[in-house]
Amino acid sequence: MTPEGPAYQGRLLPHPEEEVVDQGLGFDLGTLHSRRRILGLLGGVGGMAALAACGSDSTPANRTSASASSSASAASSLTEIPDETNGPYPADGTNGVNVLDKDGIVRQDIRSSFGDAGATAQGIPFTFELTVLDIVGGGEPMAGAAVYAWQCDRDGKYSLYSDGVESENYLRGVQVADSQGRVTFVSVFPACYPGRWPHVHFEVYPDLDSVTDYDKRLSTSQLAVPKKVCDTVFATAGYESSVANLAQLTLKTDNVFGDDGGVHQLAATTGSPEAGYTAALTVPIDTSTEPTGGNAPGGGGPGGQPPSGAPASGQQ
């Protein structure tokens, strides 16, 4: 990831929403040319081995210095995850209901409701991993940070808000980051409802004790899913309505990701409808700045709205 967008071997991807192998013939030829040129300059495999041997002569002090320099360089190259609205369906206390003060909200598998609710969201399995990094701290993992994540179900409905699921709390949960700054949630692939690209919401807090106080949030953002994966999932049973909705959108026209095409929020996603999907997104946060994301004024604002009700439409 570069400030200008995702790149491979120093070259910006012409189609940032697609995988490296799907960037087109021109890009592939450039990659092939670069590899041949490097091999020629190094004299083939022997040259590479010699270069590696030279690098192994570094003294411990040099290695320490190089490591520090690399850490500083990594931090300077990080771009803060864009702040976004939490939309009208957050259940974080900013728009009516608050699920964050309930026993059972801290969990990894968010497919089923907890407490007195009992429904389970249906859909293609979708596991997403967020890695939270502290830009101010040199790009180090934010171990101990708490992440609240929520999303719509296969029908585009949000638990606790949409008609028919007001008493459910599925597809909502909190995880605490491990020593690598990672949190993992087991969910279902989100639908595409009118006006919004398929996405997952999340809020980052400094620690678990802070999640019940929205003013302590460090960041509010969203994860986007690549189009190629969406097309494959939406061709399966249960996601039929998402096909027409996605056809009306691009990452550039989405009212949240449209300012930059979601370049810093597009998750690397692998898998299949049969085995399920896994998505990973790095979440760099500048803890020295005030978060600008938050709830839409009055719980609304321009944007898409899930089917079957919920409060006033808004960015979600």
C-alpha atoms as a PDB file:
ATOM      1  CA  MET A   1       0.000   0.000   0.000  1.00  0.00           C
ATOM      2  CA  THR A   2       1.339   3.442  -0.975  1.00  0.00           C
ATOM      3  CA  PRO A   3      -0.090   6.944  -0.425  1.00  0.00           C
ATOM      4  CA  GLU A   4      -1.255   6.865  -4.050  1.00  0.00           C
ATOM      5  CA  GLY A   5      -2.937   3.477  -3.681  1.00  0.00           C
ATOM      6  CA  PRO A   6      -2.054  -0.248  -3.806  1.00  0.00           C
ATOM      7  CA  ALA A   7       1.072  -1.087  -5.809  1.00  0.00           C
ATOM      8  CA  TYR A   8       3.070  -4.135  -6.856  1.00  0.00           C
ATOM      9  CA  GLN A   9       6.857  -3.894  -7.379  1.00  0.00           C
ATOM     10  CA  GLY A  10       6.549  -0.120  -7.167  1.00  0.00           C
ATOM     11  CA  ARG A  11       3.857   0.150  -9.838  1.00  0.00           C
ATOM     12  CA  LEU A  12       0.335   1.331  -9.037  1.00  0.00           C
ATOM     13  CA  LEU A  13      -2.374  -1.232  -9.772  1.00  0.00           C
ATOM     14  CA  PRO A  14      -4.568  -0.070 -12.687  1.00  0.00           C
ATOM     15  CA  HIS A  15      -7.511  -1.914 -11.106  1.00  0.00           C
ATOM     16  CA  PRO A  16      -7.062  -1.524  -7.322  1.00  0.00           C
ATOM     17  CA  GLU A  17     -10.281  -3.367  -6.523  1.00  0.00           C
ATOM     18  CA  GLU A  18      -8.967  -6.555  -8.209  1.00  0.00           C
ATOM     19  CA  GLU A  19      -6.211  -9.011  -7.227  1.00  0.00           C
ATOM     20  CA  VAL A  20      -2.670  -8.612  -8.637  1.00  0.00           C
ATOM     21  CA  VAL A  21      -3.213 -11.495 -11.054  1.00  0.00           C
ATOM     22  CA  ASP A  22      -6.225  -9.703 -12.551  1.00  0.00           C
ATOM     23  CA  GLN A  23      -4.592  -6.380 -13.499  1.00  0.00           C
ATOM     24  CA  GLY A  24      -4.511  -7.032 -17.254  1.00  0.00           C
ATOM     25  CA  LEU A  25      -2.035  -8.087 -19.937  1.00  0.00           C
ATOM     26  CA  GLY A  26      -0.134  -4.781 -19.994  1.00  0.00           C
ATOM     27  CA  PHE A  27       0.557  -4.948 -16.283  1.00  0.00           C
ATOM     28  CA  ASP A  28       1.558  -8.651 -16.479  1.00  0.00           C
ATOM     29  CA  LEU A  29       4.039  -7.931 -19.289  1.00  0.00           C
ATOM     30  CA  GLY A  30       5.580  -5.161 -17.217  1.00  0.00           C
ATOM     31  CA  THR A  31       5.995  -7.556 -14.289  1.00  0.00           C
ATOM     32  CA  LEU A  32       7.606 -10.191 -16.506  1.00  0.00           C
ATOM     33  CA  HIS A  33       9.985  -7.614 -18.018  1.00  0.00           C
ATOM     34  CA  SER A  34      11.035  -6.383 -14.581  1.00  0.00           C
ATOM     35  CA  ARG A  35      11.821  -9.895 -13.342  1.00  0.00           C
ATOM     36  CA  ARG A  36      13.937 -10.727 -16.405  1.00  0.00           C
ATOM     37  CA  ARG A  37      15.827  -7.447 -16.100  1.00  0.00           C
ATOM     38  CA  ILE A  38      16.646  -8.056 -12.419  1.00  0.00           C
ATOM     39  CA  LEU A  39      17.836 -11.602 -13.131  1.00  0.00           C
ATOM     40  CA  GLY A  40      20.047 -10.293 -15.914  1.00  0.00           C
ATOM     41  CA  LEU A  41      21.629  -7.624 -13.739  1.00  0.00           C
ATOM     42  CA  LEU A  42      22.359 -10.091 -10.949  1.00  0.00           C
ATOM     43  CA  GLY A  43      23.652 -12.797 -13.239  1.00  0.00           C
ATOM     44  CA  GLY A  44      20.809 -15.175 -12.569  1.00  0.00           C
ATOM     45  CA  VAL A  45      20.376 -17.255  -9.448  1.00  0.00           C
ATOM     46  CA  GLY A  46      24.104 -17.169  -8.667  1.00  0.00           C
ATOM     47  CA  GLY A  47      24.004 -13.385  -8.530  1.00  0.00           C
ATOM     48  CA  MET A  48      21.070 -13.494  -6.155  1.00  0.00           C
ATOM     49  CA  ALA A  49      22.894 -15.901  -3.865  1.00  0.00           C
ATOM     50  CA  ALA A  50      25.967 -13.661  -3.854  1.00  0.00           C
ATOM     51  CA  LEU A  51      23.862 -10.652  -3.025  1.00  0.00           C
ATOM     52  CA  ALA A  52      22.212 -12.533  -0.158  1.00  0.00           C
ATOM     53  CA  ALA A  53      25.645 -13.623   1.140  1.00  0.00           C
ATOM     54  CA  CYS A  54      26.894 -10.034   1.175  1.00  0.00           C
ATOM     55  CA  GLY A  55      23.871  -9.004   3.191  1.00  0.00           C
ATOM     56  CA  SER A  56      24.567 -11.666   5.828  1.00  0.00           C
ATOM     57  CA  ASP A  57      27.846  -9.978   6.871  1.00  0.00           C
ATOM     58  CA  SER A  58      26.020  -7.197   8.715  1.00  0.00           C
ATOM     59  CA  THR A  59      27.107  -6.664  12.307  1.00  0.00           C
ATOM     60  CA  PRO A  60      24.503  -6.841  15.103  1.00  0.00           C
ATOM     61  CA  ALA A  61      24.736  -3.066  15.467  1.00  0.00           C
ATOM     62  CA  ASN A  62      24.118  -2.587  11.763  1.00  0.00           C
ATOM     63  CA  ARG A  63      21.167  -4.951  11.899  1.00  0.00           C
ATOM     64  CA  THR A  64      19.704  -3.036  14.852  1.00  0.00           C
ATOM     65  CA  SER A  65      20.163   0.242  13.022  1.00  0.00           C
ATOM     66  CA  ALA A  66      18.616  -1.178   9.880  1.00  0.00           C
ATOM     67  CA  SER A  67      15.695  -2.540  11.870  1.00  0.00           C
ATOM     68  CA  ALA A  68      15.021   0.842  13.481  1.00  0.00           C
ATOM     69  CA  SER A  69      15.297   2.565  10.121  1.00  0.00           C
ATOM     70  CA  SER A  70      12.931   0.017   8.578  1.00  0.00           C
ATOM     71  CA  SER A  71      10.396   0.544  11.384  1.00  0.00           C
ATOM     72  CA  ALA A  72      10.485   4.320  10.951  1.00  0.00           C
ATOM     73  CA  SER A  73      10.158   3.944   7.199  1.00  0.00           C
ATOM     74  CA  ALA A  74       7.204   1.589   7.596  1.00  0.00           C
ATOM     75  CA  ALA A  75       5.404   4.040   9.874  1.00  0.00           C
ATOM     76  CA  SER A  76       5.988   6.967   7.509  1.00  0.00           C
ATOM     77  CA  SER A  77       4.544   4.962   4.610  1.00  0.00           C
ATOM     78  CA  LEU A  78       1.326   4.133   6.474  1.00  0.00           C
ATOM     79  CA  THR A  79      -1.853   5.966   5.539  1.00  0.00           C
ATOM     80  CA  GLU A  80      -4.453   6.346   8.255  1.00  0.00           C
ATOM     81  CA  ILE A  81      -7.626   4.377   7.653  1.00  0.00           C
ATOM     82  CA  PRO A  82     -10.278   6.873   6.475  1.00  0.00           C
ATOM     83  CA  ASP A  83     -12.787   7.937   9.111  1.00  0.00           C
ATOM     84  CA  GLU A  84     -16.367   7.208   8.075  1.00  0.00           C
ATOM     85  CA  THR A  85     -19.879   7.593   9.462  1.00  0.00           C
ATOM     86  CA  ASN A  86     -21.143   4.787  11.672  1.00  0.00           C
ATOM     87  CA  GLY A  87     -24.481   5.153   9.886  1.00  0.00           C
ATOM     88  CA  PRO A  88     -27.908   4.964  11.458  1.00  0.00           C
ATOM     89  CA  TYR A  89     -27.619   1.326  12.633  1.00  0.00           C
ATOM     90  CA  PRO A  90     -24.575   1.211  14.959  1.00  0.00           C
ATOM     91  CA  ALA A  91     -26.202   0.085  18.244  1.00  0.00           C
ATOM     92  CA  ASP A  92     -23.318   1.811  20.035  1.00  0.00           C
ATOM     93  CA  GLY A  93     -25.560   4.232  21.930  1.00  0.00           C
ATOM     94  CA  THR A  94     -25.386   7.051  19.386  1.00  0.00           C
ATOM     95  CA  ASN A  95     -28.690   6.174  17.736  1.00  0.00           C
ATOM     96  CA  GLY A  96     -31.051   4.624  20.250  1.00  0.00           C
ATOM     97  CA  VAL A  97     -30.113   1.114  21.287  1.00  0.00           C
ATOM     98  CA  ASN A  98     -26.725   0.235  22.833  1.00  0.00           C
ATOM     99  CA  VAL A  99     -25.530  -3.361  22.536  1.00  0.00           C
ATOM    100  CA  LEU A 100     -22.024  -2.642  23.823  1.00  0.00           C
ATOM    101  CA  ASP A 101     -23.002  -2.764  27.486  1.00  0.00           C
ATOM    102  CA  LYS A 102     -24.571  -6.233  27.172  1.00  0.00           C
ATOM    103  CA  ASP A 103     -23.052  -9.470  28.485  1.00  0.00           C
ATOM    104  CA  GLY A 104     -22.007 -11.626  25.562  1.00  0.00           C
ATOM    105  CA  ILE A 105     -20.986  -8.884  23.148  1.00  0.00           C
ATOM    106  CA  VAL A 106     -17.303  -9.854  23.422  1.00  0.00           C
ATOM    107  CA  ARG A 107     -17.098 -12.780  21.026  1.00  0.00           C
ATOM    108  CA  GLN A 108     -15.410 -13.946  17.844  1.00  0.00           C
ATOM    109  CA  ASP A 109     -18.286 -15.760  16.139  1.00  0.00           C
ATOM    110  CA  ILE A 110     -20.972 -13.143  15.538  1.00  0.00           C
ATOM    111  CA  ARG A 111     -23.329 -15.179  13.353  1.00  0.00           C
ATOM    112  CA  SER A 112     -25.853 -15.900  16.104  1.00  0.00           C
ATOM    113  CA  SER A 113     -27.687 -13.616  18.495  1.00  0.00           C
ATOM    114  CA  PHE A 114     -26.841 -13.800  22.195  1.00  0.00           C
ATOM    115  CA  GLY A 115     -28.700 -13.252  25.457  1.00  0.00           C
ATOM    116  CA  ASP A 116     -32.471 -13.637  25.124  1.00  0.00           C
ATOM    117  CA  ALA A 117     -32.322 -13.559  21.307  1.00  0.00           C
ATOM    118  CA  GLY A 118     -31.764 -16.759  19.377  1.00  0.00           C
ATOM    119  CA  ALA A 119     -31.663 -16.279  15.595  1.00  0.00           C
ATOM    120  CA  THR A 120     -28.632 -17.123  13.463  1.00  0.00           C
ATOM    121  CA  ALA A 121     -27.751 -15.159  10.327  1.00  0.00           C
ATOM    122  CA  GLN A 122     -27.652 -17.274   7.173  1.00  0.00           C
ATOM    123  CA  GLY A 123     -25.170 -16.897   4.329  1.00  0.00           C
ATOM    124  CA  ILE A 124     -21.770 -17.810   2.920  1.00  0.00           C
ATOM    125  CA  PRO A 125     -19.190 -18.028   5.763  1.00  0.00           C
ATOM    126  CA  PHE A 126     -17.056 -14.882   5.938  1.00  0.00           C
ATOM    127  CA  THR A 127     -14.132 -14.490   8.345  1.00  0.00           C
ATOM    128  CA  PHE A 128     -12.524 -11.056   8.459  1.00  0.00           C
ATOM    129  CA  GLU A 129      -9.297 -10.066  10.200  1.00  0.00           C
ATOM    130  CA  LEU A 130      -8.337  -6.488  11.086  1.00  0.00           C
ATOM    131  CA  THR A 131      -4.768  -5.589  12.042  1.00  0.00           C
ATOM    132  CA  VAL A 132      -4.694  -2.350  14.045  1.00  0.00           C
ATOM    133  CA  LEU A 133      -1.441  -0.346  13.884  1.00  0.00           C
ATOM    134  CA  ASP A 134      -0.382   2.807  15.751  1.00  0.00           C
ATOM    135  CA  ILE A 135       1.157   5.283  13.288  1.00  0.00           C
ATOM    136  CA  VAL A 136       2.389   7.531  16.108  1.00  0.00           C
ATOM    137  CA  GLY A 137       4.035   4.530  17.751  1.00  0.00           C
ATOM    138  CA  GLY A 138       6.116   3.748  14.676  1.00  0.00           C
ATOM    139  CA  GLY A 139       3.555   1.486  13.074  1.00  0.00           C
ATOM    140  CA  GLU A 140       3.584  -0.932  16.011  1.00  0.00           C
ATOM    141  CA  PRO A 141       0.592  -3.224  16.618  1.00  0.00           C
ATOM    142  CA  MET A 142      -2.021  -1.803  18.982  1.00  0.00           C
ATOM    143  CA  ALA A 143      -2.176  -4.787  21.316  1.00  0.00           C
ATOM    144  CA  GLY A 144      -5.118  -4.562  23.696  1.00  0.00           C
ATOM    145  CA  ALA A 145      -7.193  -2.258  21.485  1.00  0.00           C
ATOM    146  CA  ALA A 146     -10.878  -3.185  21.337  1.00  0.00           C
ATOM    147  CA  VAL A 147     -12.712  -3.390  18.016  1.00  0.00           C
ATOM    148  CA  TYR A 148     -16.496  -3.373  17.660  1.00  0.00           C
ATOM    149  CA  ALA A 149     -17.670  -4.691  14.277  1.00  0.00           C
ATOM    150  CA  TRP A 150     -21.154  -4.926  12.780  1.00  0.00           C
ATOM    151  CA  GLN A 151     -22.780  -5.517   9.397  1.00  0.00           C
ATOM    152  CA  CYS A 152     -26.001  -6.371   7.584  1.00  0.00           C
ATOM    153  CA  ASP A 153     -27.145  -9.933   6.937  1.00  0.00           C
ATOM    154  CA  ARG A 154     -27.760 -11.789   3.674  1.00  0.00           C
ATOM    155  CA  ASP A 155     -31.017  -9.904   3.194  1.00  0.00           C
ATOM    156  CA  GLY A 156     -29.454  -6.494   3.826  1.00  0.00           C
ATOM    157  CA  LYS A 157     -31.032  -6.192   7.288  1.00  0.00           C
ATOM    158  CA  TYR A 158     -29.372  -4.835  10.431  1.00  0.00           C
ATOM    159  CA  SER A 159     -30.215  -6.544  13.701  1.00  0.00           C
ATOM    160  CA  LEU A 160     -31.848  -4.350  16.364  1.00  0.00           C
ATOM    161  CA  TYR A 161     -33.164  -1.973  13.653  1.00  0.00           C
ATOM    162  CA  SER A 162     -34.645  -3.597  10.527  1.00  0.00           C
ATOM    163  CA  ASP A 163     -38.179  -4.978  10.342  1.00  0.00           C
ATOM    164  CA  GLY A 164     -38.365  -8.538  11.615  1.00  0.00           C
ATOM    165  CA  VAL A 165     -34.988  -8.544  13.378  1.00  0.00           C
ATOM    166  CA  GLU A 166     -35.484  -5.742  15.908  1.00  0.00           C
ATOM    167  CA  SER A 167     -35.190  -8.294  18.746  1.00  0.00           C
ATOM    168  CA  GLU A 168     -32.040  -9.945  17.356  1.00  0.00           C
ATOM    169  CA  ASN A 169     -28.439  -8.836  17.884  1.00  0.00           C
ATOM    170  CA  TYR A 170     -26.543 -11.058  15.470  1.00  0.00           C
ATOM    171  CA  LEU A 171     -23.643  -9.824  13.296  1.00  0.00           C
ATOM    172  CA  ARG A 172     -22.373  -7.577  16.096  1.00  0.00           C
ATOM    173  CA  GLY A 173     -19.405  -8.259  18.331  1.00  0.00           C
ATOM    174  CA  VAL A 174     -16.292  -6.988  20.087  1.00  0.00           C
ATOM    175  CA  GLN A 175     -12.786  -8.452  20.023  1.00  0.00           C
ATOM    176  CA  VAL A 176      -9.571  -7.387  21.791  1.00  0.00           C
ATOM    177  CA  ALA A 177      -6.428  -7.156  19.646  1.00  0.00           C
ATOM    178  CA  ASP A 178      -3.667  -9.694  20.281  1.00  0.00           C
ATOM    179  CA  SER A 179       0.066  -8.935  20.465  1.00  0.00           C
ATOM    180  CA  GLN A 180       0.106  -8.449  16.677  1.00  0.00           C
ATOM    181  CA  GLY A 181      -2.782  -5.987  16.778  1.00  0.00           C
ATOM    182  CA  ARG A 182      -5.120  -8.513  15.171  1.00  0.00           C
ATOM    183  CA  VAL A 183      -8.796  -9.205  15.756  1.00  0.00           C
ATOM    184  CA  THR A 184     -10.764 -11.874  13.918  1.00  0.00           C
ATOM    185  CA  PHE A 185     -14.522 -12.175  13.468  1.00  0.00           C
ATOM    186  CA  VAL A 186     -16.438 -15.146  12.077  1.00  0.00           C
ATOM    187  CA  SER A 187     -19.477 -13.898  10.158  1.00  0.00           C
ATOM    188  CA  VAL A 188     -21.476 -14.289   6.944  1.00  0.00           C
ATOM    189  CA  PHE A 189     -20.876 -12.527   3.656  1.00  0.00           C
ATOM    190  CA  PRO A 190     -22.779  -9.194   3.708  1.00  0.00           C
ATOM    191  CA  ALA A 191     -25.448  -8.343   1.164  1.00  0.00           C
ATOM    192  CA  CYS A 192     -25.437  -5.453  -1.261  1.00  0.00           C
ATOM    193  CA  TYR A 193     -28.521  -3.349  -0.558  1.00  0.00           C
ATOM    194  CA  PRO A 194     -29.626  -0.309  -2.610  1.00  0.00           C
ATOM    195  CA  GLY A 195     -27.115   2.526  -2.570  1.00  0.00           C
ATOM    196  CA  ARG A 196     -24.237   0.869  -0.700  1.00  0.00           C
ATOM    197  CA  TRP A 197     -21.277  -1.260  -1.685  1.00  0.00           C
ATOM    198  CA  PRO A 198     -20.950  -4.487   0.401  1.00  0.00           C
ATOM    199  CA  HIS A 199     -19.162  -3.523   3.599  1.00  0.00           C
ATOM    200  CA  VAL A 200     -18.502  -4.114   7.297  1.00  0.00           C
ATOM    201  CA  HIS A 201     -18.510  -1.321   9.903  1.00  0.00           C
ATOM    202  CA  PHE A 202     -16.022  -1.136  12.742  1.00  0.00           C
ATOM    203  CA  GLU A 203     -15.001   1.168  15.583  1.00  0.00           C
ATOM    204  CA  VAL A 204     -11.627   1.017  17.355  1.00  0.00           C
ATOM    205  CA  TYR A 205     -11.278   1.843  21.049  1.00  0.00           C
ATOM    206  CA  PRO A 206      -8.085   2.046  23.153  1.00  0.00           C
ATOM    207  CA  ASP A 207      -9.152  -0.885  25.362  1.00  0.00           C
ATOM    208  CA  LEU A 208     -12.108  -3.029  26.337  1.00  0.00           C
ATOM    209  CA  ASP A 209     -13.146  -0.753  29.201  1.00  0.00           C
ATOM    210  CA  SER A 210     -13.659   2.097  26.724  1.00  0.00           C
ATOM    211  CA  VAL A 211     -16.159   0.453  24.357  1.00  0.00           C
ATOM    212  CA  THR A 212     -19.194   1.669  26.300  1.00  0.00           C
ATOM    213  CA  ASP A 213     -18.089   5.301  25.884  1.00  0.00           C
ATOM    214  CA  TYR A 214     -18.362   6.350  22.239  1.00  0.00           C
ATOM    215  CA  ASP A 215     -16.365   9.535  22.890  1.00  0.00           C
ATOM    216  CA  LYS A 216     -13.300   7.387  23.552  1.00  0.00           C
ATOM    217  CA  ARG A 217     -13.245   5.867  20.078  1.00  0.00           C
ATOM    218  CA  LEU A 218      -9.993   6.180  18.122  1.00  0.00           C
ATOM    219  CA  SER A 219     -11.441   5.494  14.702  1.00  0.00           C
ATOM    220  CA  THR A 220     -14.708   4.696  12.929  1.00  0.00           C
ATOM    221  CA  SER A 221     -14.359   3.131   9.498  1.00  0.00           C
ATOM    222  CA  GLN A 222     -15.578   0.460   7.077  1.00  0.00           C
ATOM    223  CA  LEU A 223     -14.169  -2.553   5.242  1.00  0.00           C
ATOM    224  CA  ALA A 224     -15.015  -3.016   1.554  1.00  0.00           C
ATOM    225  CA  VAL A 225     -15.164  -6.343  -0.300  1.00  0.00           C
ATOM    226  CA  PRO A 226     -13.663  -6.768  -3.827  1.00  0.00           C
ATOM    227  CA  LYS A 227     -16.133  -6.859  -6.728  1.00  0.00           C
ATOM    228  CA  LYS A 228     -14.902 -10.153  -8.166  1.00  0.00           C
ATOM    229  CA  VAL A 229     -15.641 -11.918  -4.891  1.00  0.00           C
ATOM    230  CA  CYS A 230     -19.031 -10.209  -4.588  1.00  0.00           C
ATOM    231  CA  ASP A 231     -20.013 -11.332  -8.082  1.00  0.00           C
ATOM    232  CA  THR A 232     -19.187 -14.936  -7.214  1.00  0.00           C
ATOM    233  CA  VAL A 233     -21.035 -14.926  -3.882  1.00  0.00           C
ATOM    234  CA  PHE A 234     -24.093 -13.126  -5.211  1.00  0.00           C
ATOM    235  CA  ALA A 235     -24.520 -15.798  -7.878  1.00  0.00           C
ATOM    236  CA  THR A 236     -25.384 -18.277  -5.101  1.00  0.00           C
ATOM    237  CA  ALA A 237     -28.804 -18.987  -3.590  1.00  0.00           C
ATOM    238  CA  GLY A 238     -29.996 -16.467  -1.030  1.00  0.00           C
ATOM    239  CA  TYR A 239     -28.148 -13.450  -2.461  1.00  0.00           C
ATOM    240  CA  GLU A 240     -30.330 -12.909  -5.533  1.00  0.00           C
ATOM    241  CA  SER A 241     -31.384  -9.361  -4.634  1.00  0.00           C
ATOM    242  CA  SER A 242     -27.770  -8.286  -4.266  1.00  0.00           C
ATOM    243  CA  VAL A 243     -27.051  -8.901  -7.955  1.00  0.00           C
ATOM    244  CA  ALA A 244     -29.195  -6.025  -9.242  1.00  0.00           C
ATOM    245  CA  ASN A 245     -28.120  -3.738  -6.387  1.00  0.00           C
ATOM    246  CA  LEU A 246     -24.407  -4.261  -7.078  1.00  0.00           C
ATOM    247  CA  ALA A 247     -24.963  -3.652 -10.798  1.00  0.00           C
ATOM    248  CA  GLN A 248     -25.992  -0.076  -9.937  1.00  0.00           C
ATOM    249  CA  LEU A 249     -22.768   0.663  -8.028  1.00  0.00           C
ATOM    250  CA  THR A 250     -19.013   0.938  -8.238  1.00  0.00           C
ATOM    251  CA  LEU A 251     -16.519   1.724  -5.502  1.00  0.00           C
ATOM    252  CA  LYS A 252     -16.193   5.144  -7.118  1.00  0.00           C
ATOM    253  CA  THR A 253     -19.908   5.896  -6.960  1.00  0.00           C
ATOM    254  CA  ASP A 254     -20.500   4.515  -3.462  1.00  0.00           C
ATOM    255  CA  ASN A 255     -21.311   7.370  -1.071  1.00  0.00           C
ATOM    256  CA  VAL A 256     -18.716   6.227   1.486  1.00  0.00           C
ATOM    257  CA  PHE A 257     -15.874   4.725  -0.541  1.00  0.00           C
ATOM    258  CA  GLY A 258     -16.341   7.015  -3.543  1.00  0.00           C
ATOM    259  CA  ASP A 259     -13.894   9.741  -2.506  1.00  0.00           C
ATOM    260  CA  ASP A 260     -10.913   7.449  -3.179  1.00  0.00           C
ATOM    261  CA  GLY A 261     -12.491   4.281  -4.528  1.00  0.00           C
ATOM    262  CA  GLY A 262     -11.996   2.520  -1.202  1.00  0.00           C
ATOM    263  CA  VAL A 263      -8.295   2.085  -1.913  1.00  0.00           C
ATOM    264  CA  HIS A 264      -7.375   2.042   1.783  1.00  0.00           C
ATOM    265  CA  GLN A 265     -10.389  -0.014   2.884  1.00  0.00           C
ATOM    266  CA  LEU A 266     -10.502  -2.787   0.290  1.00  0.00           C
ATOM    267  CA  ALA A 267      -9.810  -6.085   2.066  1.00  0.00           C
ATOM    268  CA  ALA A 268      -7.599  -8.785   0.570  1.00  0.00           C
ATOM    269  CA  THR A 269     -10.118 -11.590   0.179  1.00  0.00           C
ATOM    270  CA  THR A 270      -9.675 -15.272  -0.688  1.00  0.00           C
ATOM    271  CA  GLY A 271     -11.884 -18.357  -0.661  1.00  0.00           C
ATOM    272  CA  SER A 272     -14.865 -19.877  -2.421  1.00  0.00           C
ATOM    273  CA  PRO A 273     -18.620 -20.204  -1.870  1.00  0.00           C
ATOM    274  CA  GLU A 274     -18.102 -23.822  -0.815  1.00  0.00           C
ATOM    275  CA  ALA A 275     -15.288 -23.207   1.673  1.00  0.00           C
ATOM    276  CA  GLY A 276     -16.228 -19.685   2.708  1.00  0.00           C
ATOM    277  CA  TYR A 277     -14.144 -16.522   2.443  1.00  0.00           C
ATOM    278  CA  THR A 278     -11.402 -14.903   4.491  1.00  0.00           C
ATOM    279  CA  ALA A 279     -10.718 -11.155   4.316  1.00  0.00           C
ATOM    280  CA  ALA A 280      -7.820  -9.201   5.817  1.00  0.00           C
ATOM    281  CA  LEU A 281      -7.415  -5.452   6.223  1.00  0.00           C
ATOM    282  CA  THR A 282      -4.668  -3.387   7.845  1.00  0.00           C
ATOM    283  CA  VAL A 283      -6.050  -0.545   9.971  1.00  0.00           C
ATOM    284  CA  PRO A 284      -3.405   2.146  10.647  1.00  0.00           C
ATOM    285  CA  ILE A 285      -4.572   4.776  13.149  1.00  0.00           C
ATOM    286  CA  ASP A 286      -3.058   8.180  13.931  1.00  0.00           C
ATOM    287  CA  THR A 287      -3.704   8.430  17.655  1.00  0.00           C
ATOM    288  CA  SER A 288      -2.488  12.035  17.739  1.00  0.00           C
ATOM    289  CA  THR A 289      -5.508  13.325  15.804  1.00  0.00           C
ATOM    290  CA  GLU A 290      -9.178  13.618  16.695  1.00  0.00           C
ATOM    291  CA  PRO A 291     -11.379  11.068  14.904  1.00  0.00           C
ATOM    292  CA  THR A 292     -13.655  12.756  12.380  1.00  0.00           C
ATOM    293  CA  GLY A 293     -15.992   9.843  11.692  1.00  0.00           C
ATOM    294  CA  GLY A 294     -19.188   9.284  13.598  1.00  0.00           C
ATOM    295  CA  ASN A 295     -22.926   9.019  13.440  1.00  0.00           C
ATOM    296  CA  ALA A 296     -24.768  10.772  10.635  1.00  0.00           C
ATOM    297  CA  PRO A 297     -26.678  13.865  11.822  1.00  0.00           C
ATOM    298  CA  GLY A 298     -30.008  12.838  13.247  1.00  0.00           C
ATOM    299  CA  GLY A 299     -29.253   9.230  12.351  1.00  0.00           C
ATOM    300  CA  GLY A 300     -29.589  10.001   8.652  1.00  0.00           C
ATOM    301  CA  GLY A 301     -28.041  11.635   5.631  1.00  0.00           C
ATOM    302  CA  PRO A 302     -27.768  10.870   1.914  1.00  0.00           C
ATOM    303  CA  GLY A 303     -27.178   7.251   1.095  1.00  0.00           C
ATOM    304  CA  GLY A 304     -28.564   3.765   0.755  1.00  0.00           C
ATOM    305  CA  GLN A 305     -31.061   2.099   3.014  1.00  0.00           C
ATOM    306  CA  PRO A 306     -31.463  -1.608   3.721  1.00  0.00           C
ATOM    307  CA  PRO A 307     -34.749  -3.207   2.751  1.00  0.00           C
ATOM    308  CA  SER A 308     -37.600  -3.681   5.204  1.00  0.00           C
ATOM    309  CA  GLY A 309     -37.417  -0.548   7.231  1.00  0.00           C
ATOM    310  CA  ALA A 310     -35.134   0.860   9.919  1.00  0.00           C
ATOM    311  CA  PRO A 311     -34.963   4.514  10.868  1.00  0.00           C
ATOM    312  CA  ALA A 312     -34.374   7.353   8.428  1.00  0.00           C
ATOM    313  CA  SER A 313     -32.137   6.489   5.521  1.00  0.00           C
ATOM    314  CA  GLY A 314     -28.507   7.428   5.805  1.00  0.00           C
ATOM    315  CA  GLN A 315     -24.945   6.510   4.998  1.00  0.00           C
ATOM    316  CA  GLN A 316     -24.415   3.053   6.431  1.00  0.00           C
END
